[in-house]
C-alpha atoms as a PDB file:
ATOM      1  CA  MET A   1      99.963 118.930  64.988  1.00  0.00           C
ATOM      2  CA  ASN A   2      99.815 115.515  66.674  1.00  0.00           C
ATOM      3  CA  LYS A   3     103.135 113.731  66.348  1.00  0.00           C
ATOM      4  CA  PHE A   4     104.374 110.657  68.171  1.00  0.00           C
ATOM      5  CA  THR A   5     107.936 109.325  68.157  1.00  0.00           C
ATOM      6  CA  VAL A   6     108.270 105.543  67.965  1.00  0.00           C
ATOM      7  CA  LYS A   7     111.137 103.594  69.534  1.00  0.00           C
ATOM      8  CA  ASP A   8     113.517 103.903  66.589  1.00  0.00           C
ATOM      9  CA  GLY A   9     113.164 107.700  66.635  1.00  0.00           C
ATOM     10  CA  THR A  10     110.762 108.045  63.680  1.00  0.00           C
ATOM     11  CA  GLU A  11     108.144 110.768  64.010  1.00  0.00           C
ATOM     12  CA  ILE A  12     104.627 109.622  63.094  1.00  0.00           C
ATOM     13  CA  TYR A  13     101.912 112.168  62.327  1.00  0.00           C
ATOM     14  CA  PHE A  14      98.356 111.278  63.348  1.00  0.00           C
ATOM     15  CA  LYS A  15      94.856 112.708  63.637  1.00  0.00           C
ATOM     16  CA  ASP A  16      92.646 111.933  66.646  1.00  0.00           C
ATOM     17  CA  LEU A  17      89.114 113.339  66.648  1.00  0.00           C
ATOM     18  CA  GLY A  18      86.020 112.797  68.767  1.00  0.00           C
ATOM     19  CA  ALA A  19      85.116 110.374  71.527  1.00  0.00           C
ATOM     20  CA  GLY A  20      83.458 106.983  71.828  1.00  0.00           C
ATOM     21  CA  GLN A  21      84.508 103.641  70.369  1.00  0.00           C
ATOM     22  CA  PRO A  22      87.729 104.175  68.406  1.00  0.00           C
ATOM     23  CA  ILE A  23      88.097 103.522  64.675  1.00  0.00           C
ATOM     24  CA  PHE A  24      91.662 103.471  63.406  1.00  0.00           C
ATOM     25  CA  PHE A  25      92.225 104.023  59.661  1.00  0.00           C
ATOM     26  CA  HIS A  26      95.225 102.706  57.682  1.00  0.00           C
ATOM     27  CA  HIS A  27      95.846 104.402  54.310  1.00  0.00           C
ATOM     28  CA  GLY A  28      97.103 102.988  51.007  1.00  0.00           C
ATOM     29  CA  TRP A  29     100.284 103.607  49.009  1.00  0.00           C
ATOM     30  CA  PRO A  30     101.592 106.295  48.439  1.00  0.00           C
ATOM     31  CA  LEU A  31      98.986 108.362  50.246  1.00  0.00           C
ATOM     32  CA  SER A  32      98.334 109.709  53.751  1.00  0.00           C
ATOM     33  CA  SER A  33      95.665 109.974  56.429  1.00  0.00           C
ATOM     34  CA  ASP A  34      94.015 112.674  54.289  1.00  0.00           C
ATOM     35  CA  ASP A  35      92.680 109.926  52.032  1.00  0.00           C
ATOM     36  CA  TRP A  36      90.209 109.021  54.799  1.00  0.00           C
ATOM     37  CA  ASP A  37      88.376 112.380  54.914  1.00  0.00           C
ATOM     38  CA  ALA A  38      85.053 110.908  53.761  1.00  0.00           C
ATOM     39  CA  GLN A  39      85.190 108.122  56.349  1.00  0.00           C
ATOM     40  CA  MET A  40      86.527 110.167  59.263  1.00  0.00           C
ATOM     41  CA  MET A  41      83.828 112.802  58.956  1.00  0.00           C
ATOM     42  CA  PHE A  42      81.074 110.209  58.523  1.00  0.00           C
ATOM     43  CA  PHE A  43      82.041 108.131  61.556  1.00  0.00           C
ATOM     44  CA  LEU A  44      82.865 111.186  63.655  1.00  0.00           C
ATOM     45  CA  ASN A  45      79.299 112.353  63.060  1.00  0.00           C
ATOM     46  CA  GLN A  46      78.057 108.890  64.048  1.00  0.00           C
ATOM     47  CA  GLY A  47      79.634 109.313  67.476  1.00  0.00           C
ATOM     48  CA  TYR A  48      82.895 107.422  67.038  1.00  0.00           C
ATOM     49  CA  ARG A  49      86.434 108.467  67.884  1.00  0.00           C
ATOM     50  CA  VAL A  50      88.395 108.468  64.624  1.00  0.00           C
ATOM     51  CA  ILE A  51      92.169 108.101  64.342  1.00  0.00           C
ATOM     52  CA  ALA A  52      94.377 108.012  61.254  1.00  0.00           C
ATOM     53  CA  HIS A  53      98.130 108.219  60.876  1.00  0.00           C
ATOM     54  CA  ASP A  54     100.559 108.928  58.067  1.00  0.00           C
ATOM     55  CA  ARG A  55     102.644 105.768  57.659  1.00  0.00           C
ATOM     56  CA  ARG A  56     106.393 106.262  58.140  1.00  0.00           C
ATOM     57  CA  GLY A  57     107.847 107.879  55.032  1.00  0.00           C
ATOM     58  CA  HIS A  58     104.405 109.049  53.885  1.00  0.00           C
ATOM     59  CA  GLY A  59     102.512 112.308  54.289  1.00  0.00           C
ATOM     60  CA  ARG A  60     103.682 114.405  57.232  1.00  0.00           C
ATOM     61  CA  SER A  61     105.563 111.618  59.012  1.00  0.00           C
ATOM     62  CA  ALA A  62     109.353 111.446  58.900  1.00  0.00           C
ATOM     63  CA  GLN A  63     110.773 110.569  55.466  1.00  0.00           C
ATOM     64  CA  THR A  64     112.453 107.348  56.517  1.00  0.00           C
ATOM     65  CA  TYR A  65     115.148 105.498  54.602  1.00  0.00           C
ATOM     66  CA  LYS A  66     114.888 102.331  56.734  1.00  0.00           C
ATOM     67  CA  GLY A  67     112.122 100.405  58.469  1.00  0.00           C
ATOM     68  CA  ASN A  68     109.943 100.522  55.351  1.00  0.00           C
ATOM     69  CA  ASP A  69     108.571  97.002  55.771  1.00  0.00           C
ATOM     70  CA  MET A  70     105.256  95.541  56.893  1.00  0.00           C
ATOM     71  CA  ASP A  71     106.443  94.294  60.273  1.00  0.00           C
ATOM     72  CA  THR A  72     107.763  97.756  61.161  1.00  0.00           C
ATOM     73  CA  TYR A  73     104.556  99.403  59.889  1.00  0.00           C
ATOM     74  CA  ALA A  74     102.547  97.159  62.217  1.00  0.00           C
ATOM     75  CA  GLN A  75     104.910  97.835  65.117  1.00  0.00           C
ATOM     76  CA  ASP A  76     104.544 101.597  64.568  1.00  0.00           C
ATOM     77  CA  VAL A  77     100.773 101.193  64.786  1.00  0.00           C
ATOM     78  CA  ALA A  78     101.090  99.096  67.936  1.00  0.00           C
ATOM     79  CA  GLU A  79     103.188 101.766  69.628  1.00  0.00           C
ATOM     80  CA  LEU A  80     100.753 104.510  68.629  1.00  0.00           C
ATOM     81  CA  VAL A  81      97.749 102.457  69.758  1.00  0.00           C
ATOM     82  CA  GLU A  82      99.410 101.826  73.119  1.00  0.00           C
ATOM     83  CA  PHE A  83     100.275 105.513  73.462  1.00  0.00           C
ATOM     84  CA  LEU A  84      96.622 106.452  72.798  1.00  0.00           C
ATOM     85  CA  ASP A  85      95.446 103.458  74.892  1.00  0.00           C
ATOM     86  CA  LEU A  86      92.889 102.390  72.298  1.00  0.00           C
ATOM     87  CA  LYS A  87      90.702  99.447  73.309  1.00  0.00           C
ATOM     88  CA  ASN A  88      87.738  97.754  71.625  1.00  0.00           C
ATOM     89  CA  ALA A  89      88.908  99.428  68.405  1.00  0.00           C
ATOM     90  CA  ILE A  90      87.865  98.804  64.821  1.00  0.00           C
ATOM     91  CA  HIS A  91      90.788  98.840  62.388  1.00  0.00           C
ATOM     92  CA  ILE A  92      90.013  99.759  58.780  1.00  0.00           C
ATOM     93  CA  GLY A  93      92.609  99.510  56.030  1.00  0.00           C
ATOM     94  CA  HIS A  94      92.587 100.339  52.320  1.00  0.00           C
ATOM     95  CA  SER A  95      94.924  98.628  49.845  1.00  0.00           C
ATOM     96  CA  THR A  96      98.395  98.502  51.473  1.00  0.00           C
ATOM     97  CA  GLY A  97      96.715  99.775  54.618  1.00  0.00           C
ATOM     98  CA  GLY A  98      94.545  96.665  54.604  1.00  0.00           C
ATOM     99  CA  GLY A  99      97.668  94.577  54.957  1.00  0.00           C
ATOM    100  CA  GLU A 100      98.921  96.855  57.714  1.00  0.00           C
ATOM    101  CA  ALA A 101      95.614  96.689  59.620  1.00  0.00           C
ATOM    102  CA  LEU A 102      95.563  92.901  59.360  1.00  0.00           C
ATOM    103  CA  ARG A 103      99.212  92.402  60.367  1.00  0.00           C
ATOM    104  CA  TYR A 104      98.727  94.722  63.359  1.00  0.00           C
ATOM    105  CA  ALA A 105      95.525  92.991  64.455  1.00  0.00           C
ATOM    106  CA  ALA A 106      97.004  89.511  64.082  1.00  0.00           C
ATOM    107  CA  GLN A 107     100.259  90.255  65.900  1.00  0.00           C
ATOM    108  CA  TYR A 108      99.378  92.960  68.428  1.00  0.00           C
ATOM    109  CA  GLY A 109      95.598  93.286  68.581  1.00  0.00           C
ATOM    110  CA  LYS A 110      94.623  90.762  71.221  1.00  0.00           C
ATOM    111  CA  GLY A 111      92.533  92.580  73.817  1.00  0.00           C
ATOM    112  CA  ARG A 112      92.543  95.820  71.820  1.00  0.00           C
ATOM    113  CA  VAL A 113      90.883  95.029  68.459  1.00  0.00           C
ATOM    114  CA  SER A 114      87.188  94.186  68.146  1.00  0.00           C
ATOM    115  CA  LYS A 115      86.765  94.112  64.343  1.00  0.00           C
ATOM    116  CA  VAL A 116      88.744  94.643  61.139  1.00  0.00           C
ATOM    117  CA  VAL A 117      87.684  95.970  57.726  1.00  0.00           C
ATOM    118  CA  LEU A 118      89.767  95.280  54.609  1.00  0.00           C
ATOM    119  CA  ILE A 119      88.928  97.570  51.668  1.00  0.00           C
ATOM    120  CA  SER A 120      90.454  96.822  48.248  1.00  0.00           C
ATOM    121  CA  ALA A 121      93.214  95.162  50.246  1.00  0.00           C
ATOM    122  CA  ILE A 122      96.430  93.468  49.105  1.00  0.00           C
ATOM    123  CA  THR A 123      95.759  90.412  51.287  1.00  0.00           C
ATOM    124  CA  PRO A 124      96.636  87.575  51.180  1.00  0.00           C
ATOM    125  CA  TYR A 125      99.316  87.861  48.498  1.00  0.00           C
ATOM    126  CA  MET A 126      99.623  89.886  45.313  1.00  0.00           C
ATOM    127  CA  ILE A 127     102.502  88.641  43.203  1.00  0.00           C
ATOM    128  CA  ALA A 128     102.331  85.769  40.704  1.00  0.00           C
ATOM    129  CA  ASP A 129     104.620  82.850  41.571  1.00  0.00           C
ATOM    130  CA  ASP A 130     104.427  79.079  42.063  1.00  0.00           C
ATOM    131  CA  ARG A 131     102.210  79.532  45.122  1.00  0.00           C
ATOM    132  CA  ASN A 132      99.985  82.122  43.467  1.00  0.00           C
ATOM    133  CA  PRO A 133      99.832  81.418  39.712  1.00  0.00           C
ATOM    134  CA  ASN A 134      96.900  83.774  39.145  1.00  0.00           C
ATOM    135  CA  GLY A 135      98.550  86.723  40.869  1.00  0.00           C
ATOM    136  CA  VAL A 136      99.909  89.910  39.329  1.00  0.00           C
ATOM    137  CA  PRO A 137     103.137  89.448  37.293  1.00  0.00           C
ATOM    138  CA  LEU A 138     106.344  90.787  38.810  1.00  0.00           C
ATOM    139  CA  ALA A 139     106.838  92.908  35.681  1.00  0.00           C
ATOM    140  CA  VAL A 140     103.859  95.053  36.684  1.00  0.00           C
ATOM    141  CA  PHE A 141     105.506  95.957  39.984  1.00  0.00           C
ATOM    142  CA  ASP A 142     108.869  96.464  38.302  1.00  0.00           C
ATOM    143  CA  ASP A 143     107.152  99.019  36.074  1.00  0.00           C
ATOM    144  CA  ILE A 144     105.699 100.776  39.139  1.00  0.00           C
ATOM    145  CA  ARG A 145     109.187 100.824  40.661  1.00  0.00           C
ATOM    146  CA  HIS A 146     110.716 102.231  37.469  1.00  0.00           C
ATOM    147  CA  ASN A 147     108.128 104.994  37.127  1.00  0.00           C
ATOM    148  CA  THR A 148     108.256 105.915  40.814  1.00  0.00           C
ATOM    149  CA  LEU A 149     112.031 106.154  40.708  1.00  0.00           C
ATOM    150  CA  HIS A 150     112.380 108.039  37.432  1.00  0.00           C
ATOM    151  CA  ASN A 151     109.191 110.057  36.989  1.00  0.00           C
ATOM    152  CA  ARG A 152     106.911 109.884  39.990  1.00  0.00           C
ATOM    153  CA  GLN A 153     105.634 113.424  39.399  1.00  0.00           C
ATOM    154  CA  GLN A 154     103.937 112.398  36.146  1.00  0.00           C
ATOM    155  CA  PHE A 155     103.350 108.776  37.141  1.00  0.00           C
ATOM    156  CA  TYR A 156     101.370 109.810  40.205  1.00  0.00           C
ATOM    157  CA  GLN A 157      99.056 111.815  37.953  1.00  0.00           C
ATOM    158  CA  ASP A 158      98.712 109.033  35.391  1.00  0.00           C
ATOM    159  CA  LEU A 159      98.015 106.356  38.012  1.00  0.00           C
ATOM    160  CA  THR A 160      94.875 108.128  39.229  1.00  0.00           C
ATOM    161  CA  VAL A 161      93.104 107.165  35.984  1.00  0.00           C
ATOM    162  CA  PRO A 162      92.932 103.376  36.557  1.00  0.00           C
ATOM    163  CA  PHE A 163      92.918 103.889  40.342  1.00  0.00           C
ATOM    164  CA  TYR A 164      89.511 105.582  40.190  1.00  0.00           C
ATOM    165  CA  GLY A 165      88.251 103.855  37.064  1.00  0.00           C
ATOM    166  CA  TYR A 166      88.395 107.110  35.136  1.00  0.00           C
ATOM    167  CA  ASN A 167      89.307 105.185  31.987  1.00  0.00           C
ATOM    168  CA  ARG A 168      85.876 103.517  31.906  1.00  0.00           C
ATOM    169  CA  GLU A 169      83.121 104.662  29.569  1.00  0.00           C
ATOM    170  CA  GLY A 170      80.807 107.135  31.273  1.00  0.00           C
ATOM    171  CA  ALA A 171      83.120 107.721  34.240  1.00  0.00           C
ATOM    172  CA  ASN A 172      82.492 110.919  36.205  1.00  0.00           C
ATOM    173  CA  VAL A 173      86.069 112.213  36.190  1.00  0.00           C
ATOM    174  CA  LYS A 174      86.815 114.654  39.014  1.00  0.00           C
ATOM    175  CA  LYS A 175      90.090 116.500  38.658  1.00  0.00           C
ATOM    176  CA  GLY A 176      90.045 117.542  42.302  1.00  0.00           C
ATOM    177  CA  ILE A 177      90.158 113.896  43.375  1.00  0.00           C
ATOM    178  CA  GLN A 178      93.077 113.288  41.016  1.00  0.00           C
ATOM    179  CA  ASP A 179      94.901 116.393  42.247  1.00  0.00           C
ATOM    180  CA  ASN A 180      94.383 115.375  45.873  1.00  0.00           C
ATOM    181  CA  TRP A 181      95.846 111.914  45.199  1.00  0.00           C
ATOM    182  CA  TRP A 182      98.880 113.520  43.528  1.00  0.00           C
ATOM    183  CA  ARG A 183      99.266 116.020  46.384  1.00  0.00           C
ATOM    184  CA  GLN A 184      99.313 113.264  48.981  1.00  0.00           C
ATOM    185  CA  GLY A 185     101.757 111.150  46.992  1.00  0.00           C
ATOM    186  CA  MET A 186     104.203 113.990  46.495  1.00  0.00           C
ATOM    187  CA  MET A 187     104.172 114.823  50.229  1.00  0.00           C
ATOM    188  CA  GLY A 188     105.884 111.535  51.016  1.00  0.00           C
ATOM    189  CA  GLY A 189     109.510 110.518  50.651  1.00  0.00           C
ATOM    190  CA  ILE A 190     110.560 108.735  47.471  1.00  0.00           C
ATOM    191  CA  LYS A 191     112.778 106.190  49.288  1.00  0.00           C
ATOM    192  CA  ALA A 192     109.981 105.013  51.582  1.00  0.00           C
ATOM    193  CA  GLN A 193     107.475 104.939  48.739  1.00  0.00           C
ATOM    194  CA  TYR A 194     109.892 102.998  46.529  1.00  0.00           C
ATOM    195  CA  ASP A 195     110.518 100.447  49.295  1.00  0.00           C
ATOM    196  CA  CYS A 196     106.792 100.114  49.921  1.00  0.00           C
ATOM    197  CA  ILE A 197     106.235  98.745  46.402  1.00  0.00           C
ATOM    198  CA  GLU A 198     107.989  95.541  47.421  1.00  0.00           C
ATOM    199  CA  VAL A 199     106.012  95.533  50.656  1.00  0.00           C
ATOM    200  CA  PHE A 200     102.592  95.678  49.016  1.00  0.00           C
ATOM    201  CA  SER A 201     103.482  93.261  46.230  1.00  0.00           C
ATOM    202  CA  GLU A 202     105.468  90.563  48.023  1.00  0.00           C
ATOM    203  CA  THR A 203     104.262  90.425  51.647  1.00  0.00           C
ATOM    204  CA  ASP A 204     102.347  87.222  52.377  1.00  0.00           C
ATOM    205  CA  PHE A 205      99.424  87.652  54.799  1.00  0.00           C
ATOM    206  CA  THR A 206      98.155  84.064  54.648  1.00  0.00           C
ATOM    207  CA  GLU A 207      99.020  83.223  58.252  1.00  0.00           C
ATOM    208  CA  ASP A 208      97.653  86.550  59.510  1.00  0.00           C
ATOM    209  CA  LEU A 209      94.299  85.792  57.871  1.00  0.00           C
ATOM    210  CA  LYS A 210      94.234  82.270  59.290  1.00  0.00           C
ATOM    211  CA  SER A 211      95.117  83.347  62.821  1.00  0.00           C
ATOM    212  CA  ILE A 212      92.812  86.297  63.364  1.00  0.00           C
ATOM    213  CA  ASP A 213      89.735  85.515  65.482  1.00  0.00           C
ATOM    214  CA  VAL A 214      87.756  88.767  65.416  1.00  0.00           C
ATOM    215  CA  PRO A 215      85.095  89.472  62.738  1.00  0.00           C
ATOM    216  CA  VAL A 216      86.552  90.803  59.469  1.00  0.00           C
ATOM    217  CA  LEU A 217      84.666  92.556  56.677  1.00  0.00           C
ATOM    218  CA  VAL A 218      86.251  92.254  53.219  1.00  0.00           C
ATOM    219  CA  GLN A 219      85.099  94.865  50.677  1.00  0.00           C
ATOM    220  CA  HIS A 220      86.306  94.939  47.076  1.00  0.00           C
ATOM    221  CA  GLY A 221      85.181  96.247  43.698  1.00  0.00           C
ATOM    222  CA  ASP A 222      85.016  93.837  40.784  1.00  0.00           C
ATOM    223  CA  ASP A 223      86.428  96.541  38.489  1.00  0.00           C
ATOM    224  CA  ASP A 224      89.523  97.121  40.628  1.00  0.00           C
ATOM    225  CA  GLN A 225      92.346  97.630  38.112  1.00  0.00           C
ATOM    226  CA  ILE A 226      95.044  97.947  40.797  1.00  0.00           C
ATOM    227  CA  VAL A 227      94.382  94.990  43.132  1.00  0.00           C
ATOM    228  CA  PRO A 228      92.376  92.241  41.337  1.00  0.00           C
ATOM    229  CA  TYR A 229      89.643  90.964  43.614  1.00  0.00           C
ATOM    230  CA  GLU A 230      89.795  87.287  42.559  1.00  0.00           C
ATOM    231  CA  THR A 231      93.342  86.805  43.872  1.00  0.00           C
ATOM    232  CA  THR A 232      92.913  88.953  46.977  1.00  0.00           C
ATOM    233  CA  ALA A 233      89.438  89.500  48.454  1.00  0.00           C
ATOM    234  CA  VAL A 234      87.988  86.132  47.469  1.00  0.00           C
ATOM    235  CA  LYS A 235      91.003  84.218  48.777  1.00  0.00           C
ATOM    236  CA  ALA A 236      91.215  86.347  51.922  1.00  0.00           C
ATOM    237  CA  ALA A 237      87.599  85.605  52.796  1.00  0.00           C
ATOM    238  CA  GLU A 238      88.223  81.875  52.358  1.00  0.00           C
ATOM    239  CA  LEU A 239      91.109  81.983  54.847  1.00  0.00           C
ATOM    240  CA  LEU A 240      89.267  83.903  57.574  1.00  0.00           C
ATOM    241  CA  LYS A 241      87.598  82.174  60.516  1.00  0.00           C
ATOM    242  CA  ASN A 242      84.957  84.878  60.838  1.00  0.00           C
ATOM    243  CA  GLY A 243      84.852  86.797  57.567  1.00  0.00           C
ATOM    244  CA  LYS A 244      82.191  88.543  55.532  1.00  0.00           C
ATOM    245  CA  LEU A 245      82.809  89.307  51.841  1.00  0.00           C
ATOM    246  CA  ILE A 246      81.148  92.044  49.781  1.00  0.00           C
ATOM    247  CA  ILE A 247      82.047  92.390  46.094  1.00  0.00           C
ATOM    248  CA  TYR A 248      80.718  95.604  44.507  1.00  0.00           C
ATOM    249  CA  PRO A 249      79.880  95.469  40.787  1.00  0.00           C
ATOM    250  CA  GLY A 250      81.724  98.148  38.821  1.00  0.00           C
ATOM    251  CA  PHE A 251      83.514  99.731  41.779  1.00  0.00           C
ATOM    252  CA  SER A 252      87.142 100.835  41.336  1.00  0.00           C
ATOM    253  CA  HIS A 253      90.163 100.547  43.619  1.00  0.00           C
ATOM    254  CA  GLY A 254      89.488 104.060  44.898  1.00  0.00           C
ATOM    255  CA  MET A 255      85.937 103.254  46.015  1.00  0.00           C
ATOM    256  CA  PRO A 256      86.333 104.654  49.562  1.00  0.00           C
ATOM    257  CA  THR A 257      86.418 108.073  47.855  1.00  0.00           C
ATOM    258  CA  THR A 258      84.246 107.617  44.768  1.00  0.00           C
ATOM    259  CA  GLU A 259      81.659 105.390  46.467  1.00  0.00           C
ATOM    260  CA  ALA A 260      81.970 106.646  50.034  1.00  0.00           C
ATOM    261  CA  GLU A 261      78.231 106.624  50.760  1.00  0.00           C
ATOM    262  CA  THR A 262      77.886 102.926  49.972  1.00  0.00           C
ATOM    263  CA  ILE A 263      81.148 101.872  51.611  1.00  0.00           C
ATOM    264  CA  ASN A 264      80.485 103.829  54.799  1.00  0.00           C
ATOM    265  CA  LYS A 265      76.949 102.469  55.145  1.00  0.00           C
ATOM    266  CA  ASP A 266      78.112  98.874  54.879  1.00  0.00           C
ATOM    267  CA  ILE A 267      80.971  99.420  57.339  1.00  0.00           C
ATOM    268  CA  LEU A 268      78.586 101.020  59.844  1.00  0.00           C
ATOM    269  CA  GLU A 269      76.213  98.076  59.529  1.00  0.00           C
ATOM    270  CA  PHE A 270      79.117  95.674  60.102  1.00  0.00           C
ATOM    271  CA  ILE A 271      80.362  97.604  63.132  1.00  0.00           C
ATOM    272  CA  GLN A 272      76.906  97.697  64.693  1.00  0.00           C
ATOM    273  CA  SER A 273      76.060  94.054  63.979  1.00  0.00           C
END
């Protein structure tokens, strides 16, 4: 297995396949690099080098009790990127991973990042407050915290239903997809996953979006029941200097898995443009 130890001693698991221009994938909460199977195989077969890591505390990386914050996530990525000496890389992030990809690119990516893709991302800011009156109420995240702390085994099964839009009429429910989500979630450490709830709900990426100069593709489904597109994708695109926004009618939060063919095609077109 590929493992890299960052400066604070945390072991980070990563996958590194193929050759060519590198694409680095950043996964969502509470998952792992395994959630990128459909993208890694597609872009590997297109001649790209594909890299994905398990965020600290998630998947096969060390189950950390500290450092579970967005700045440390981005620093971990920077150390891994430097170790692998990735240049001219495309960074693609889903959900929480979108925030991580953006924070890394904004703070560490100069000279190494060529493009960024934000899929169903938490950027610029999720929580409802005076600055973001149309955001998601704090009570929603408190409920996620409560269920993660007290009953994550069942909660991680239940959450797959809105995550993939399986509660919609006519949905093609696939138990294997649900089981794989649960498997990934239960691989990670509860402390890191609990801490990450505050990270994905309360981190403000406004300045990151404003400062980034490279082209950024923003993809979001208009039936995302986890990260509402009006308060994230639409606002993110408005803040970007060089952004492209695609809103997909009827697509769920988990569209990189359920709608992989469409998502991959549009990312490839963006990369090659």
